[in-house]
Amino acid sequence: MRARLAWTMETAVRPTVLIFDDTGFLKDGKASACVAQQYTGAAGKVTNCQVGVSLHLAADHASAAVNWRLFQPEAWDPASPKADPDQVARRAACQIPDDVGHVEKWQLALDMLDETRSWGIEVPVAVADAGYGDAAAFQHGVQARGMHYVVGIVRSTVSSSATPPGSAVAPRTCSSWVGSASMAMVSPARRRPRGPGGPTWSTPSRARRARHRAGANGRPSRSRVADGPDDDP
């Protein structure tokens, strides 16, 4: 079903970027699968909710969600040291398979990217907010798949520009340095609260920002989060 939806929306949207995002579904009780006290931008705070991670085909004129995953908090994963016995006991009633456990949101995003590409859909640029941009593994995962990215990061994130081997570039916090690959959306963005992790950043048109702020050749110049691997090319 998702593949057929993606093929239809690819024709309708003619996407220039893939947008990764997550949203919360506010809940009053504890019966729903994977409901927990967690942050959601829908409420702007930590609250009782489910969280869904989604992949969108996007262009300036339209966007469509074509792939999605339900995020499973660690409290629902019996293999996690943070497992909650009451919530783990709800797994059977919610028909959660035994082999499905907690996976970080950035990894869910990469899994969806791989699945969407397996349907024959190739879009060269990934766009995401700081929930994904702060994960160096997400940035490197996108690059390893031959794609470019435009992501938000919190102001305290340390980043350095991609330089030839042997070059010495002192990493700086993003409050004093902006790299166009990982921070292209930060300068014109609006601040919005994110909870304990600090502020994140959003823009009115991520698809337009990704394309027009990318550079003269249409591709973002490269930078990396400073906690990435030392042998990053």
Protein backbone atom coordinates (compact mmCIF):
# COMPACT_ATOMS: atom_id res chain seq x y z
CA MET A 1 0.00 0.00 0.00
CA ARG A 2 2.73 2.48 0.94
CA ALA A 3 4.67 1.71 -2.23
CA ARG A 4 1.61 2.37 -4.40
CA LEU A 5 0.95 5.59 -2.50
CA ALA A 6 4.57 6.66 -2.98
CA TRP A 7 4.49 5.98 -6.73
CA THR A 8 1.28 7.99 -7.11
CA MET A 9 2.58 10.90 -5.02
CA GLU A 10 5.93 10.94 -6.81
CA THR A 11 4.09 11.72 -10.03
CA ALA A 12 1.82 14.29 -8.39
CA VAL A 13 4.42 16.07 -6.23
CA ARG A 14 7.56 15.75 -8.42
CA PRO A 15 9.68 15.89 -5.23
CA THR A 16 12.93 17.81 -4.94
CA VAL A 17 13.62 16.79 -1.32
CA LEU A 18 12.71 14.11 1.20
CA ILE A 19 11.56 15.51 4.55
CA PHE A 20 11.91 13.45 7.72
CA ASP A 21 9.77 14.50 10.66
CA ASP A 22 7.89 13.19 13.65
CA THR A 23 4.66 14.19 15.29
CA GLY A 24 2.80 13.31 18.47
CA PHE A 25 -0.66 11.89 18.95
CA LEU A 26 -1.93 13.11 22.31
CA LYS A 27 -3.52 10.46 24.53
CA ASP A 28 -5.52 10.54 27.75
CA GLY A 29 -4.87 6.94 28.82
CA LYS A 30 -2.24 4.19 28.57
CA ALA A 31 -3.98 1.59 26.40
CA SER A 32 -2.62 2.65 22.99
CA ALA A 33 0.50 0.99 21.61
CA CYS A 34 3.76 2.74 22.55
CA VAL A 35 2.09 5.56 24.46
CA ALA A 36 4.38 7.16 27.04
CA GLN A 37 5.43 10.42 28.63
CA GLN A 38 7.61 11.90 25.88
CA TYR A 39 8.25 15.16 24.08
CA THR A 40 6.10 16.13 21.12
CA GLY A 41 6.04 19.35 19.14
CA ALA A 42 2.27 18.98 18.84
CA ALA A 43 2.04 19.98 22.50
CA GLY A 44 5.40 21.76 22.83
CA LYS A 45 6.22 19.76 25.95
CA VAL A 46 6.66 16.31 27.44
CA THR A 47 3.22 14.74 27.69
CA ASN A 48 1.30 11.47 27.35
CA CYS A 49 1.37 10.61 23.65
CA GLN A 50 2.37 8.32 20.82
CA VAL A 51 5.04 9.51 18.37
CA GLY A 52 5.09 8.68 14.69
CA VAL A 53 8.13 9.17 12.44
CA SER A 54 7.36 9.95 8.80
CA LEU A 55 9.01 10.43 5.41
CA HIS A 56 7.53 12.99 3.03
CA LEU A 57 8.02 13.60 -0.68
CA ALA A 58 8.16 17.39 -0.97
CA ALA A 59 8.45 20.25 -3.41
CA ASP A 60 7.60 23.96 -3.19
CA HIS A 61 3.97 23.41 -4.14
CA ALA A 62 3.09 20.20 -2.27
CA SER A 63 4.19 17.41 0.04
CA ALA A 64 2.90 13.98 0.95
CA ALA A 65 3.75 11.47 3.67
CA VAL A 66 4.49 8.14 1.97
CA ASN A 67 6.23 6.14 4.69
CA TRP A 68 5.90 6.06 8.46
CA ARG A 69 6.83 4.20 11.64
CA LEU A 70 5.44 4.18 15.19
CA PHE A 71 8.24 5.06 17.61
CA GLN A 72 8.59 2.58 20.48
CA PRO A 73 9.89 4.16 23.70
CA GLU A 74 12.42 2.20 25.73
CA ALA A 75 9.80 1.66 28.43
CA TRP A 76 7.95 -0.62 26.00
CA ASP A 77 11.01 -2.70 25.08
CA PRO A 78 11.52 -5.71 27.38
CA ALA A 79 15.22 -5.82 26.40
CA SER A 80 15.82 -2.26 27.56
CA PRO A 81 17.13 -1.45 31.05
CA LYS A 82 14.46 1.27 31.10
CA ALA A 83 11.62 -1.19 30.48
CA ASP A 84 8.42 -0.59 32.46
CA PRO A 85 6.77 -3.90 33.46
CA ASP A 86 3.28 -2.44 33.13
CA GLN A 87 3.92 -1.18 29.60
CA VAL A 88 5.78 -4.32 28.54
CA ALA A 89 2.72 -6.29 29.65
CA ARG A 90 0.62 -4.26 27.19
CA ARG A 91 2.62 -5.49 24.16
CA ALA A 92 0.55 -8.64 23.62
CA ALA A 93 -2.76 -6.77 23.76
CA CYS A 94 -1.36 -4.22 21.28
CA GLN A 95 -0.13 -7.08 19.02
CA ILE A 96 3.45 -5.82 18.97
CA PRO A 97 5.69 -8.59 17.52
CA ASP A 98 8.27 -10.03 19.91
CA ASP A 99 11.16 -9.04 17.62
CA VAL A 100 10.16 -5.37 17.47
CA GLY A 101 11.90 -3.20 20.05
CA HIS A 102 13.11 0.32 20.67
CA VAL A 103 14.86 1.95 17.70
CA GLU A 104 16.10 5.55 17.70
CA LYS A 105 14.10 7.94 15.52
CA TRP A 106 17.08 8.74 13.27
CA GLN A 107 17.51 5.01 12.58
CA LEU A 108 13.79 4.66 11.78
CA ALA A 109 14.29 7.52 9.32
CA LEU A 110 17.19 5.74 7.60
CA ASP A 111 15.21 2.49 7.50
CA MET A 112 12.34 4.31 5.79
CA LEU A 113 14.79 5.94 3.39
CA ASP A 114 16.12 2.53 2.37
CA GLU A 115 12.62 1.12 1.94
CA THR A 116 11.46 4.10 -0.13
CA ARG A 117 14.51 3.86 -2.38
CA SER A 118 13.81 0.14 -2.83
CA TRP A 119 10.53 1.21 -4.46
CA GLY A 120 12.53 3.00 -7.15
CA ILE A 121 12.10 6.50 -5.73
CA GLU A 122 15.34 8.51 -5.75
CA VAL A 123 15.43 12.09 -4.42
CA PRO A 124 18.90 13.67 -3.95
CA VAL A 125 18.39 15.81 -0.82
CA ALA A 126 17.20 14.92 2.71
CA VAL A 127 15.76 17.58 5.03
CA ALA A 128 15.18 17.19 8.76
CA ASP A 129 15.01 19.20 11.96
CA ALA A 130 17.38 19.06 14.92
CA GLY A 131 15.84 15.86 16.23
CA TYR A 132 17.72 14.15 13.39
CA GLY A 133 20.41 16.71 12.54
CA ASP A 134 21.98 16.41 15.99
CA ALA A 135 22.59 12.70 15.36
CA ALA A 136 25.93 12.41 13.55
CA ALA A 137 24.98 8.85 12.59
CA PHE A 138 21.97 10.18 10.65
CA GLN A 139 24.09 12.68 8.70
CA HIS A 140 26.72 10.05 7.90
CA GLY A 141 24.00 7.54 7.00
CA VAL A 142 22.51 9.94 4.47
CA GLN A 143 25.95 10.69 3.00
CA ALA A 144 26.77 6.98 2.80
CA ARG A 145 23.70 6.58 0.60
CA GLY A 146 25.04 9.14 -1.86
CA MET A 147 22.65 11.90 -0.83
CA HIS A 148 23.01 15.48 0.37
CA TYR A 149 21.25 16.86 3.43
CA VAL A 150 20.01 20.07 5.00
CA VAL A 151 19.32 19.68 8.72
CA GLY A 152 18.69 21.82 11.75
CA ILE A 153 20.85 21.46 14.84
CA VAL A 154 20.73 23.04 18.28
CA ARG A 155 22.96 26.04 18.84
CA SER A 156 25.25 24.16 21.24
CA THR A 157 26.13 21.46 18.68
CA VAL A 158 29.83 21.44 17.80
CA SER A 159 30.58 21.18 14.08
CA SER A 160 33.56 21.49 11.77
CA SER A 161 33.83 21.89 8.02
CA ALA A 162 34.84 18.96 5.83
CA THR A 163 38.53 19.43 5.04
CA PRO A 164 41.20 17.43 3.20
CA PRO A 165 43.04 14.79 5.31
CA GLY A 166 45.70 16.37 7.49
CA SER A 167 44.05 19.80 7.57
CA ALA A 168 43.54 21.31 11.00
CA VAL A 169 40.22 23.03 11.56
CA ALA A 170 39.22 23.80 15.12
CA PRO A 171 35.60 22.80 15.75
CA ARG A 172 33.30 25.61 16.85
CA THR A 173 29.87 25.73 18.37
CA CYS A 174 27.14 26.69 15.99
CA SER A 175 26.41 29.90 17.88
CA SER A 176 29.59 31.30 16.30
CA TRP A 177 29.95 29.30 13.05
CA VAL A 178 27.53 28.19 10.36
CA GLY A 179 28.24 25.43 7.85
CA SER A 180 25.95 25.34 4.84
CA ALA A 181 25.44 21.56 4.70
CA SER A 182 24.31 20.97 8.25
CA MET A 183 23.12 24.46 9.17
CA ALA A 184 21.64 25.96 5.99
CA MET A 185 18.27 26.40 7.66
CA VAL A 186 19.42 27.96 10.92
CA SER A 187 20.12 31.62 10.10
CA PRO A 188 16.64 32.52 8.79
CA ALA A 189 14.78 30.13 11.08
CA ARG A 190 12.41 30.66 13.96
CA ARG A 191 13.17 29.32 17.41
CA ARG A 192 10.66 26.97 18.98
CA PRO A 193 10.91 25.16 22.33
CA ARG A 194 11.99 21.53 22.36
CA GLY A 195 12.13 20.72 26.03
CA PRO A 196 15.19 19.52 27.95
CA GLY A 197 17.36 19.26 24.81
CA GLY A 198 17.12 22.96 24.05
CA PRO A 199 15.66 24.83 21.08
CA THR A 200 15.27 23.49 17.58
CA TRP A 201 14.74 25.41 14.38
CA SER A 202 12.06 25.47 11.72
CA THR A 203 11.44 27.35 8.46
CA PRO A 204 8.34 28.21 6.44
CA SER A 205 9.47 26.31 3.31
CA ARG A 206 12.01 23.58 3.90
CA ALA A 207 11.88 22.38 0.30
CA ARG A 208 12.64 25.85 -1.06
CA ARG A 209 15.35 26.46 1.55
CA ALA A 210 17.01 23.15 0.74
CA ARG A 211 17.21 23.95 -2.96
CA HIS A 212 17.95 27.66 -3.02
CA ARG A 213 20.36 27.79 -0.07
CA ALA A 214 22.32 24.80 -1.35
CA GLY A 215 24.80 26.78 -3.41
CA ALA A 216 25.50 27.78 -6.98
CA ASN A 217 25.73 24.18 -8.20
CA GLY A 218 22.53 23.15 -6.43
CA ARG A 219 24.39 21.02 -3.86
CA PRO A 220 25.15 21.83 -0.22
CA SER A 221 28.79 22.25 0.69
CA ARG A 222 29.92 19.67 3.21
CA SER A 223 30.32 19.94 6.96
CA ARG A 224 30.03 17.45 9.77
CA VAL A 225 29.05 17.17 13.38
CA ALA A 226 32.25 17.06 15.37
CA ASP A 227 31.47 13.71 17.05
CA GLY A 228 31.48 11.92 13.67
CA PRO A 229 34.08 9.32 12.73
CA ASP A 230 37.68 10.50 12.41
CA ASP A 231 38.06 8.96 8.95
CA ASP A 232 35.10 10.78 7.43
CA PRO A 233 36.27 11.78 3.90
